[in-house]
Amino acid sequence: SNRVLFETYQRDVYRTCYYMVHDAADAEDLTQDVFI
């Protein structure tokens, strides 16, 4: 389910985004885009 998918992988997705773009706001936006 979408909820399980999000809860399972959101931390890994956010950390990857953060380490690649080095901006918290951009990492949050990218994480949201990835899950969409």
Full PDB file with SEQRES, HELIX, SHEET, SSBOND, CRYST1, ORIGX, SCALE, CONECT and MASTER records, all heavy atoms in Angstrom:
SEQRES   1 A   36  SER ASN ARG VAL LEU PHE GLU THR TYR GLN ARG ASP VAL          
SEQRES   2 A   36  TYR ARG THR CYS TYR TYR MET VAL HIS ASP ALA ALA ASP          
SEQRES   3 A   36  ALA GLU ASP LEU THR GLN ASP VAL PHE ILE                      
HELIX    1 AA1 ASN A    2  VAL A   21  1                                  20    
HELIX    2 AA2 ALA A   24  PHE A   35  1                                  12    
CRYST1    1.000    1.000    1.000  90.00  90.00  90.00 P 1           1          
ORIGX1      1.000000  0.000000  0.000000        0.00000                         
ORIGX2      0.000000  1.000000  0.000000        0.00000                         
ORIGX3      0.000000  0.000000  1.000000        0.00000                         
SCALE1      1.000000  0.000000  0.000000        0.00000                         
SCALE2      0.000000  1.000000  0.000000        0.00000                         
SCALE3      0.000000  0.000000  1.000000        0.00000                         
ATOM      1  N   SER A   1       0.847  -1.186   0.000  1.00  0.00           N  
ATOM      2  CA  SER A   1       0.000   0.000   0.000  1.00  0.00           C  
ATOM      3  C   SER A   1       0.891   1.248   0.000  1.00  0.00           C  
ATOM      4  O   SER A   1       2.061   1.187   0.382  1.00  0.00           O  
ATOM      5  CB  SER A   1      -0.909  -0.009   1.224  1.00  0.00           C  
ATOM      6  OG  SER A   1      -0.168   0.324   2.382  1.00  0.00           O  
ATOM      7  N   ASN A   2       0.323   2.352  -0.406  1.00  0.00           N  
ATOM      8  CA  ASN A   2       1.087   3.600  -0.462  1.00  0.00           C  
ATOM      9  C   ASN A   2       1.609   4.001   0.905  1.00  0.00           C  
ATOM     10  O   ASN A   2       2.737   4.467   1.029  1.00  0.00           O  
ATOM     11  CB  ASN A   2       0.230   4.714  -1.054  1.00  0.00           C  
ATOM     12  CG  ASN A   2      -0.011   4.508  -2.531  1.00  0.00           C  
ATOM     13  OD1 ASN A   2       0.672   3.728  -3.191  1.00  0.00           O  
ATOM     14  ND2 ASN A   2      -0.989   5.211  -3.074  1.00  0.00           N  
ATOM     15  N   ARG A   3       0.791   3.830   1.937  1.00  0.00           N  
ATOM     16  CA  ARG A   3       1.207   4.209   3.293  1.00  0.00           C  
ATOM     17  C   ARG A   3       2.400   3.369   3.755  1.00  0.00           C  
ATOM     18  O   ARG A   3       3.371   3.899   4.283  1.00  0.00           O  
ATOM     19  CB  ARG A   3       0.054   4.063   4.265  1.00  0.00           C  
ATOM     20  CG  ARG A   3       0.492   4.243   5.721  1.00  0.00           C  
ATOM     21  CD  ARG A   3      -0.657   4.230   6.632  1.00  0.00           C  
ATOM     22  NE  ARG A   3      -0.923   5.640   6.854  1.00  0.00           N  
ATOM     23  CZ  ARG A   3      -1.824   6.101   7.664  1.00  0.00           C  
ATOM     24  NH1 ARG A   3      -2.596   5.280   8.305  1.00  0.00           N  
ATOM     25  NH2 ARG A   3      -1.982   7.384   7.829  1.00  0.00           N  
ATOM     26  N   VAL A   4       2.340   2.071   3.552  1.00  0.00           N  
ATOM     27  CA  VAL A   4       3.435   1.179   3.946  1.00  0.00           C  
ATOM     28  C   VAL A   4       4.688   1.529   3.147  1.00  0.00           C  
ATOM     29  O   VAL A   4       5.794   1.589   3.702  1.00  0.00           O  
ATOM     30  CB  VAL A   4       3.047  -0.304   3.746  1.00  0.00           C  
ATOM     31  CG1 VAL A   4       4.234  -1.220   3.945  1.00  0.00           C  
ATOM     32  CG2 VAL A   4       1.912  -0.679   4.678  1.00  0.00           C  
ATOM     33  N   LEU A   5       4.520   1.772   1.871  1.00  0.00           N  
ATOM     34  CA  LEU A   5       5.651   2.146   1.024  1.00  0.00           C  
ATOM     35  C   LEU A   5       6.307   3.421   1.552  1.00  0.00           C  
ATOM     36  O   LEU A   5       7.530   3.490   1.696  1.00  0.00           O  
ATOM     37  CB  LEU A   5       5.172   2.355  -0.417  1.00  0.00           C  
ATOM     38  CG  LEU A   5       6.251   2.627  -1.450  1.00  0.00           C  
ATOM     39  CD1 LEU A   5       6.996   1.334  -1.763  1.00  0.00           C  
ATOM     40  CD2 LEU A   5       5.629   3.182  -2.720  1.00  0.00           C  
ATOM     41  N   PHE A   6       5.508   4.419   1.852  1.00  0.00           N  
ATOM     42  CA  PHE A   6       6.026   5.683   2.359  1.00  0.00           C  
ATOM     43  C   PHE A   6       6.730   5.498   3.699  1.00  0.00           C  
ATOM     44  O   PHE A   6       7.858   5.960   3.888  1.00  0.00           O  
ATOM     45  CB  PHE A   6       4.906   6.717   2.492  1.00  0.00           C  
ATOM     46  CG  PHE A   6       5.386   8.032   3.018  1.00  0.00           C  
ATOM     47  CD1 PHE A   6       6.033   8.936   2.191  1.00  0.00           C  
ATOM     48  CD2 PHE A   6       5.203   8.377   4.355  1.00  0.00           C  
ATOM     49  CE1 PHE A   6       6.494  10.147   2.672  1.00  0.00           C  
ATOM     50  CE2 PHE A   6       5.663   9.584   4.845  1.00  0.00           C  
ATOM     51  CZ  PHE A   6       6.307  10.475   4.008  1.00  0.00           C  
ATOM     52  N   GLU A   7       6.097   4.814   4.635  1.00  0.00           N  
ATOM     53  CA  GLU A   7       6.674   4.619   5.963  1.00  0.00           C  
ATOM     54  C   GLU A   7       7.961   3.811   5.910  1.00  0.00           C  
ATOM     55  O   GLU A   7       8.877   4.040   6.686  1.00  0.00           O  
ATOM     56  CB  GLU A   7       5.660   3.949   6.890  1.00  0.00           C  
ATOM     57  CG  GLU A   7       4.517   4.878   7.269  1.00  0.00           C  
ATOM     58  CD  GLU A   7       3.405   4.179   8.038  1.00  0.00           C  
ATOM     59  OE1 GLU A   7       3.440   2.926   8.192  1.00  0.00           O  
ATOM     60  OE2 GLU A   7       2.487   4.887   8.481  1.00  0.00           O  
ATOM     61  N   THR A   8       8.042   2.895   4.984  1.00  0.00           N  
ATOM     62  CA  THR A   8       9.219   2.034   4.876  1.00  0.00           C  
ATOM     63  C   THR A   8      10.412   2.763   4.260  1.00  0.00           C  
ATOM     64  O   THR A   8      11.547   2.585   4.708  1.00  0.00           O  
ATOM     65  CB  THR A   8       8.892   0.783   4.028  1.00  0.00           C  
ATOM     66  OG1 THR A   8       7.776   0.117   4.609  1.00  0.00           O  
ATOM     67  CG2 THR A   8      10.082  -0.160   3.967  1.00  0.00           C  
ATOM     68  N   TYR A   9      10.178   3.588   3.249  1.00  0.00           N  
ATOM     69  CA  TYR A   9      11.293   4.130   2.470  1.00  0.00           C  
ATOM     70  C   TYR A   9      11.490   5.637   2.567  1.00  0.00           C  
ATOM     71  O   TYR A   9      12.457   6.157   2.016  1.00  0.00           O  
ATOM     72  CB  TYR A   9      11.119   3.747   0.995  1.00  0.00           C  
ATOM     73  CG  TYR A   9      11.167   2.258   0.779  1.00  0.00           C  
ATOM     74  CD1 TYR A   9      10.012   1.547   0.492  1.00  0.00           C  
ATOM     75  CD2 TYR A   9      12.360   1.558   0.884  1.00  0.00           C  
ATOM     76  CE1 TYR A   9      10.045   0.176   0.307  1.00  0.00           C  
ATOM     77  CE2 TYR A   9      12.405   0.192   0.706  1.00  0.00           C  
ATOM     78  CZ  TYR A   9      11.245  -0.498   0.412  1.00  0.00           C  
ATOM     79  OH  TYR A   9      11.282  -1.846   0.233  1.00  0.00           O  
ATOM     80  N   GLN A  10      10.623   6.371   3.241  1.00  0.00           N  
ATOM     81  CA  GLN A  10      10.723   7.826   3.212  1.00  0.00           C  
ATOM     82  C   GLN A  10      12.031   8.338   3.800  1.00  0.00           C  
ATOM     83  O   GLN A  10      12.613   9.282   3.299  1.00  0.00           O  
ATOM     84  CB  GLN A  10       9.501   8.484   3.860  1.00  0.00           C  
ATOM     85  CG  GLN A  10       9.426   8.408   5.352  1.00  0.00           C  
ATOM     86  CD  GLN A  10      10.058   9.603   6.030  1.00  0.00           C  
ATOM     87  OE1 GLN A  10      10.301  10.624   5.420  1.00  0.00           O  
ATOM     88  NE2 GLN A  10      10.336   9.449   7.289  1.00  0.00           N  
ATOM     89  N   ARG A  11      12.544   7.724   4.846  1.00  0.00           N  
ATOM     90  CA  ARG A  11      13.798   8.183   5.458  1.00  0.00           C  
ATOM     91  C   ARG A  11      14.970   7.990   4.485  1.00  0.00           C  
ATOM     92  O   ARG A  11      15.795   8.882   4.315  1.00  0.00           O  
ATOM     93  CB  ARG A  11      14.047   7.452   6.765  1.00  0.00           C  
ATOM     94  CG  ARG A  11      15.388   7.860   7.387  1.00  0.00           C  
ATOM     95  CD  ARG A  11      15.552   7.335   8.773  1.00  0.00           C  
ATOM     96  NE  ARG A  11      15.156   8.425   9.652  1.00  0.00           N  
ATOM     97  CZ  ARG A  11      14.700   8.304  10.867  1.00  0.00           C  
ATOM     98  NH1 ARG A  11      14.556   7.119  11.384  1.00  0.00           N  
ATOM     99  NH2 ARG A  11      14.391   9.339  11.589  1.00  0.00           N  
ATOM    100  N   ASP A  12      15.028   6.829   3.825  1.00  0.00           N  
ATOM    101  CA  ASP A  12      16.113   6.579   2.866  1.00  0.00           C  
ATOM    102  C   ASP A  12      16.034   7.546   1.685  1.00  0.00           C  
ATOM    103  O   ASP A  12      17.058   8.054   1.222  1.00  0.00           O  
ATOM    104  CB  ASP A  12      16.049   5.143   2.334  1.00  0.00           C  
ATOM    105  CG  ASP A  12      16.510   4.117   3.364  1.00  0.00           C  
ATOM    106  OD1 ASP A  12      17.290   4.474   4.261  1.00  0.00           O  
ATOM    107  OD2 ASP A  12      16.083   2.956   3.252  1.00  0.00           O  
ATOM    108  N   VAL A  13      14.823   7.785   1.201  1.00  0.00           N  
ATOM    109  CA  VAL A  13      14.651   8.703   0.070  1.00  0.00           C  
ATOM    110  C   VAL A  13      15.063  10.114   0.478  1.00  0.00           C  
ATOM    111  O   VAL A  13      15.815  10.774  -0.235  1.00  0.00           O  
ATOM    112  CB  VAL A  13      13.186   8.680  -0.447  1.00  0.00           C  
ATOM    113  CG1 VAL A  13      12.931   9.808  -1.437  1.00  0.00           C  
ATOM    114  CG2 VAL A  13      12.870   7.333  -1.076  1.00  0.00           C  
ATOM    115  N   TYR A  14      14.613  10.558   1.631  1.00  0.00           N  
ATOM    116  CA  TYR A  14      14.957  11.914   2.082  1.00  0.00           C  
ATOM    117  C   TYR A  14      16.460  12.054   2.276  1.00  0.00           C  
ATOM    118  O   TYR A  14      17.060  13.034   1.830  1.00  0.00           O  
ATOM    119  CB  TYR A  14      14.228  12.267   3.388  1.00  0.00           C  
ATOM    120  CG  TYR A  14      14.628  13.633   3.871  1.00  0.00           C  
ATOM    121  CD1 TYR A  14      14.034  14.775   3.341  1.00  0.00           C  
ATOM    122  CD2 TYR A  14      15.637  13.798   4.808  1.00  0.00           C  
ATOM    123  CE1 TYR A  14      14.415  16.035   3.740  1.00  0.00           C  
ATOM    124  CE2 TYR A  14      16.032  15.048   5.211  1.00  0.00           C  
ATOM    125  CZ  TYR A  14      15.420  16.167   4.688  1.00  0.00           C  
ATOM    126  OH  TYR A  14      15.827  17.418   5.082  1.00  0.00           O  
ATOM    127  N   ARG A  15      17.092  11.085   2.946  1.00  0.00           N  
ATOM    128  CA  ARG A  15      18.541  11.169   3.190  1.00  0.00           C  
ATOM    129  C   ARG A  15      19.308  11.213   1.874  1.00  0.00           C  
ATOM    130  O   ARG A  15      20.252  11.980   1.726  1.00  0.00           O  
ATOM    131  CB  ARG A  15      19.016   9.985   4.031  1.00  0.00           C  
ATOM    132  CG  ARG A  15      18.661  10.139   5.486  1.00  0.00           C  
ATOM    133  CD  ARG A  15      19.109   8.999   6.340  1.00  0.00           C  
ATOM    134  NE  ARG A  15      20.204   8.245   5.789  1.00  0.00           N  
ATOM    135  CZ  ARG A  15      20.789   7.229   6.374  1.00  0.00           C  
ATOM    136  NH1 ARG A  15      20.370   6.832   7.547  1.00  0.00           N  
ATOM    137  NH2 ARG A  15      21.778   6.583   5.810  1.00  0.00           N  
ATOM    138  N   THR A  16      18.902  10.401   0.919  1.00  0.00           N  
ATOM    139  CA  THR A  16      19.572  10.411  -0.383  1.00  0.00           C  
ATOM    140  C   THR A  16      19.417  11.776  -1.040  1.00  0.00           C  
ATOM    141  O   THR A  16      20.391  12.347  -1.544  1.00  0.00           O  
ATOM    142  CB  THR A  16      18.999   9.304  -1.293  1.00  0.00           C  
ATOM    143  OG1 THR A  16      19.209   8.042  -0.662  1.00  0.00           O  
ATOM    144  CG2 THR A  16      19.676   9.314  -2.656  1.00  0.00           C  
ATOM    145  N   CYS A  17      18.211  12.289  -1.036  1.00  0.00           N  
ATOM    146  CA  CYS A  17      17.971  13.621  -1.621  1.00  0.00           C  
ATOM    147  C   CYS A  17      18.801  14.677  -0.908  1.00  0.00           C  
ATOM    148  O   CYS A  17      19.435  15.526  -1.545  1.00  0.00           O  
ATOM    149  CB  CYS A  17      16.492  13.988  -1.543  1.00  0.00           C  
ATOM    150  SG  CYS A  17      15.426  13.000  -2.600  1.00  0.00           S  
ATOM    151  N   TYR A  18      18.824  14.625   0.409  1.00  0.00           N  
ATOM    152  CA  TYR A  18      19.563  15.633   1.176  1.00  0.00           C  
ATOM    153  C   TYR A  18      21.054  15.583   0.861  1.00  0.00           C  
ATOM    154  O   TYR A  18      21.681  16.603   0.639  1.00  0.00           O  
ATOM    155  CB  TYR A  18      19.324  15.447   2.671  1.00  0.00           C  
ATOM    156  CG  TYR A  18      20.074  16.468   3.490  1.00  0.00           C  
ATOM    157  CD1 TYR A  18      19.585  17.761   3.621  1.00  0.00           C  
ATOM    158  CD2 TYR A  18      21.276  16.158   4.102  1.00  0.00           C  
ATOM    159  CE1 TYR A  18      20.266  18.707   4.347  1.00  0.00           C  
ATOM    160  CE2 TYR A  18      21.967  17.097   4.828  1.00  0.00           C  
ATOM    161  CZ  TYR A  18      21.457  18.375   4.953  1.00  0.00           C  
ATOM    162  OH  TYR A  18      22.159  19.315   5.666  1.00  0.00           O  
ATOM    163  N   TYR A  19      21.617  14.384   0.833  1.00  0.00           N  
ATOM    164  CA  TYR A  19      23.046  14.268   0.554  1.00  0.00           C  
ATOM    165  C   TYR A  19      23.393  14.641  -0.879  1.00  0.00           C  
ATOM    166  O   TYR A  19      24.510  15.029  -1.171  1.00  0.00           O  
ATOM    167  CB  TYR A  19      23.571  12.867   0.881  1.00  0.00           C  
ATOM    168  CG  TYR A  19      23.911  12.736   2.341  1.00  0.00           C  
ATOM    169  CD1 TYR A  19      23.018  12.153   3.223  1.00  0.00           C  
ATOM    170  CD2 TYR A  19      25.094  13.231   2.850  1.00  0.00           C  
ATOM    171  CE1 TYR A  19      23.309  12.051   4.570  1.00  0.00           C  
ATOM    172  CE2 TYR A  19      25.397  13.138   4.189  1.00  0.00           C  
ATOM    173  CZ  TYR A  19      24.509  12.550   5.049  1.00  0.00           C  
ATOM    174  OH  TYR A  19      24.804  12.467   6.372  1.00  0.00           O  
ATOM    175  N   MET A  20      22.439  14.546  -1.779  1.00  0.00           N  
ATOM    176  CA  MET A  20      22.730  14.916  -3.165  1.00  0.00           C  
ATOM    177  C   MET A  20      22.544  16.405  -3.419  1.00  0.00           C  
ATOM    178  O   MET A  20      23.300  16.990  -4.174  1.00  0.00           O  
ATOM    179  CB  MET A  20      21.882  14.091  -4.126  1.00  0.00           C  
ATOM    180  CG  MET A  20      22.350  12.643  -4.168  1.00  0.00           C  
ATOM    181  SD  MET A  20      21.722  11.736  -5.546  1.00  0.00           S  
ATOM    182  CE  MET A  20      22.446  12.585  -6.923  1.00  0.00           C  
ATOM    183  N   VAL A  21      21.533  17.035  -2.804  1.00  0.00           N  
ATOM    184  CA  VAL A  21      21.260  18.441  -3.110  1.00  0.00           C  
ATOM    185  C   VAL A  21      21.678  19.389  -1.993  1.00  0.00           C  
ATOM    186  O   VAL A  21      21.747  20.596  -2.211  1.00  0.00           O  
ATOM    187  CB  VAL A  21      19.778  18.689  -3.479  1.00  0.00           C  
ATOM    188  CG1 VAL A  21      19.383  17.872  -4.687  1.00  0.00           C  
ATOM    189  CG2 VAL A  21      18.848  18.424  -2.316  1.00  0.00           C  
ATOM    190  N   HIS A  22      21.920  18.870  -0.794  1.00  0.00           N  
ATOM    191  CA  HIS A  22      22.413  19.658   0.342  1.00  0.00           C  
ATOM    192  C   HIS A  22      21.535  20.841   0.710  1.00  0.00           C  
ATOM    193  O   HIS A  22      22.028  21.892   1.095  1.00  0.00           O  
ATOM    194  CB  HIS A  22      23.850  20.124   0.099  1.00  0.00           C  
ATOM    195  CG  HIS A  22      24.777  18.990  -0.088  1.00  0.00           C  
ATOM    196  ND1 HIS A  22      25.163  18.173   0.934  1.00  0.00           N  
ATOM    197  CD2 HIS A  22      25.360  18.502  -1.196  1.00  0.00           C  
ATOM    198  CE1 HIS A  22      25.958  17.239   0.471  1.00  0.00           C  
ATOM    199  NE2 HIS A  22      26.094  17.409  -0.820  1.00  0.00           N  
ATOM    200  N   ASP A  23      20.255  20.666   0.581  1.00  0.00           N  
ATOM    201  CA  ASP A  23      19.317  21.699   0.986  1.00  0.00           C  
ATOM    202  C   ASP A  23      18.073  20.996   1.509  1.00  0.00           C  
ATOM    203  O   ASP A  23      17.450  20.221   0.792  1.00  0.00           O  
ATOM    204  CB  ASP A  23      18.980  22.596  -0.205  1.00  0.00           C  
ATOM    205  CG  ASP A  23      18.030  23.702   0.183  1.00  0.00           C  
ATOM    206  OD1 ASP A  23      18.521  24.769   0.594  1.00  0.00           O  
ATOM    207  OD2 ASP A  23      16.813  23.484   0.068  1.00  0.00           O  
ATOM    208  N   ALA A  24      17.726  21.275   2.755  1.00  0.00           N  
ATOM    209  CA  ALA A  24      16.621  20.571   3.408  1.00  0.00           C  
ATOM    210  C   ALA A  24      15.298  20.779   2.678  1.00  0.00           C  
ATOM    211  O   ALA A  24      14.542  19.823   2.470  1.00  0.00           O  
ATOM    212  CB  ALA A  24      16.509  21.012   4.860  1.00  0.00           C  
ATOM    213  N   ALA A  25      15.008  22.010   2.296  1.00  0.00           N  
ATOM    214  CA  ALA A  25      13.732  22.293   1.629  1.00  0.00           C  
ATOM    215  C   ALA A  25      13.652  21.579   0.284  1.00  0.00           C  
ATOM    216  O   ALA A  25      12.618  20.983  -0.054  1.00  0.00           O  
ATOM    217  CB  ALA A  25      13.551  23.793   1.450  1.00  0.00           C  
ATOM    218  N   ASP A  26      14.738  21.635  -0.495  1.00  0.00           N  
ATOM    219  CA  ASP A  26      14.759  20.943  -1.783  1.00  0.00           C  
ATOM    220  C   ASP A  26      14.648  19.430  -1.589  1.00  0.00           C  
ATOM    221  O   ASP A  26      13.980  18.743  -2.370  1.00  0.00           O  
ATOM    222  CB  ASP A  26      16.034  21.274  -2.561  1.00  0.00           C  
ATOM    223  CG  ASP A  26      16.021  22.678  -3.132  1.00  0.00           C  
ATOM    224  OD1 ASP A  26      14.934  23.306  -3.163  1.00  0.00           O  
ATOM    225  OD2 ASP A  26      17.095  23.151  -3.544  1.00  0.00           O  
ATOM    226  N   ALA A  27      15.315  18.902  -0.558  1.00  0.00           N  
ATOM    227  CA  ALA A  27      15.257  17.465  -0.291  1.00  0.00           C  
ATOM    228  C   ALA A  27      13.828  17.044   0.061  1.00  0.00           C  
ATOM    229  O   ALA A  27      13.356  15.987  -0.384  1.00  0.00           O  
ATOM    230  CB  ALA A  27      16.209  17.091   0.834  1.00  0.00           C  
ATOM    231  N   GLU A  28      13.130  17.869   0.830  1.00  0.00           N  
ATOM    232  CA  GLU A  28      11.739  17.564   1.169  1.00  0.00           C  
ATOM    233  C   GLU A  28      10.869  17.582  -0.084  1.00  0.00           C  
ATOM    234  O   GLU A  28      10.022  16.697  -0.277  1.00  0.00           O  
ATOM    235  CB  GLU A  28      11.213  18.557   2.194  1.00  0.00           C  
ATOM    236  CG  GLU A  28      11.817  18.363   3.574  1.00  0.00           C  
ATOM    237  CD  GLU A  28      11.438  19.464   4.549  1.00  0.00           C  
ATOM    238  OE1 GLU A  28      10.594  20.315   4.203  1.00  0.00           O  
ATOM    239  OE2 GLU A  28      11.994  19.466   5.654  1.00  0.00           O  
ATOM    240  N   ASP A  29      11.056  18.581  -0.928  1.00  0.00           N  
ATOM    241  CA  ASP A  29      10.282  18.669  -2.170  1.00  0.00           C  
ATOM    242  C   ASP A  29      10.561  17.476  -3.081  1.00  0.00           C  
ATOM    243  O   ASP A  29       9.643  16.896  -3.672  1.00  0.00           O  
ATOM    244  CB  ASP A  29      10.604  19.971  -2.918  1.00  0.00           C  
ATOM    245  CG  ASP A  29      10.078  21.207  -2.205  1.00  0.00           C  
ATOM    246  OD1 ASP A  29       9.207  21.059  -1.310  1.00  0.00           O  
ATOM    247  OD2 ASP A  29      10.544  22.311  -2.536  1.00  0.00           O  
ATOM    248  N   LEU A  30      11.838  17.132  -3.208  1.00  0.00           N  
ATOM    249  CA  LEU A  30      12.200  15.996  -4.057  1.00  0.00           C  
ATOM    250  C   LEU A  30      11.634  14.689  -3.503  1.00  0.00           C  
ATOM    251  O   LEU A  30      11.180  13.824  -4.263  1.00  0.00           O  
ATOM    252  CB  LEU A  30      13.722  15.904  -4.211  1.00  0.00           C  
ATOM    253  CG  LEU A  30      14.341  16.936  -5.143  1.00  0.00           C  
ATOM    254  CD1 LEU A  30      15.845  17.010  -4.950  1.00  0.00           C  
ATOM    255  CD2 LEU A  30      14.000  16.613  -6.582  1.00  0.00           C  
ATOM    256  N   THR A  31      11.666  14.540  -2.177  1.00  0.00           N  
ATOM    257  CA  THR A  31      11.104  13.340  -1.551  1.00  0.00           C  
ATOM    258  C   THR A  31       9.623  13.227  -1.891  1.00  0.00           C  
ATOM    259  O   THR A  31       9.134  12.159  -2.265  1.00  0.00           O  
ATOM    260  CB  THR A  31      11.301  13.379  -0.023  1.00  0.00           C  
ATOM    261  OG1 THR A  31      12.703  13.418   0.253  1.00  0.00           O  
ATOM    262  CG2 THR A  31      10.681  12.166   0.652  1.00  0.00           C  
ATOM    263  N   GLN A  32       8.923  14.345  -1.794  1.00  0.00           N  
ATOM    264  CA  GLN A  32       7.501  14.354  -2.127  1.00  0.00           C  
ATOM    265  C   GLN A  32       7.288  13.981  -3.604  1.00  0.00           C  
ATOM    266  O   GLN A  32       6.422  13.169  -3.929  1.00  0.00           O  
ATOM    267  CB  GLN A  32       6.933  15.735  -1.835  1.00  0.00           C  
ATOM    268  CG  GLN A  32       5.443  15.810  -1.870  1.00  0.00           C  
ATOM    269  CD  GLN A  32       4.931  17.159  -1.402  1.00  0.00           C  
ATOM    270  OE1 GLN A  32       5.536  18.182  -1.692  1.00  0.00           O  
ATOM    271  NE2 GLN A  32       3.817  17.148  -0.699  1.00  0.00           N  
ATOM    272  N   ASP A  33       8.098  14.551  -4.486  1.00  0.00           N  
ATOM    273  CA  ASP A  33       7.995  14.238  -5.916  1.00  0.00           C  
ATOM    274  C   ASP A  33       8.253  12.761  -6.193  1.00  0.00           C  
ATOM    275  O   ASP A  33       7.578  12.142  -7.025  1.00  0.00           O  
ATOM    276  CB  ASP A  33       8.979  15.090  -6.728  1.00  0.00           C  
ATOM    277  CG  ASP A  33       8.620  16.555  -6.771  1.00  0.00           C  
ATOM    278  OD1 ASP A  33       7.460  16.898  -6.443  1.00  0.00           O  
ATOM    279  OD2 ASP A  33       9.500  17.366  -7.125  1.00  0.00           O  
ATOM    280  N   VAL A  34       9.257  12.200  -5.505  1.00  0.00           N  
ATOM    281  CA  VAL A  34       9.579  10.783  -5.689  1.00  0.00           C  
ATOM    282  C   VAL A  34       8.381   9.922  -5.306  1.00  0.00           C  
ATOM    283  O   VAL A  34       7.984   9.019  -6.054  1.00  0.00           O  
ATOM    284  CB  VAL A  34      10.834  10.384  -4.875  1.00  0.00           C  
ATOM    285  CG1 VAL A  34      10.976   8.863  -4.806  1.00  0.00           C  
ATOM    286  CG2 VAL A  34      12.086  11.002  -5.478  1.00  0.00           C  
ATOM    287  N   PHE A  35       7.776  10.216  -4.162  1.00  0.00           N  
ATOM    288  CA  PHE A  35       6.649   9.393  -3.729  1.00  0.00           C  
ATOM    289  C   PHE A  35       5.413   9.592  -4.594  1.00  0.00           C  
ATOM    290  O   PHE A  35       4.657   8.647  -4.811  1.00  0.00           O  
ATOM    291  CB  PHE A  35       6.354   9.597  -2.238  1.00  0.00           C  
ATOM    292  CG  PHE A  35       7.302   8.799  -1.383  1.00  0.00           C  
ATOM    293  CD1 PHE A  35       8.389   9.397  -0.780  1.00  0.00           C  
ATOM    294  CD2 PHE A  35       7.128   7.431  -1.226  1.00  0.00           C  
ATOM    295  CE1 PHE A  35       9.279   8.660  -0.026  1.00  0.00           C  
ATOM    296  CE2 PHE A  35       8.014   6.679  -0.481  1.00  0.00           C  
ATOM    297  CZ  PHE A  35       9.097   7.293   0.121  1.00  0.00           C  
ATOM    298  N   ILE A  36       5.217  10.772  -5.126  1.00  0.00           N  
ATOM    299  CA  ILE A  36       4.111  10.976  -6.069  1.00  0.00           C  
ATOM    300  C   ILE A  36       4.333  10.091  -7.294  1.00  0.00           C  
ATOM    301  O   ILE A  36       3.412   9.423  -7.773  1.00  0.00           O  
ATOM    302  CB  ILE A  36       3.981  12.462  -6.453  1.00  0.00           C  
ATOM    303  CG1 ILE A  36       3.424  13.255  -5.265  1.00  0.00           C  
ATOM    304  CG2 ILE A  36       3.093  12.635  -7.684  1.00  0.00           C  
ATOM    305  CD1 ILE A  36       3.469  14.756  -5.438  1.00  0.00           C  
TER     306      ILE A  36                                                      
MASTER        0    0    0    2    0    0    0    6  305    1    0    3          
END                                                                             
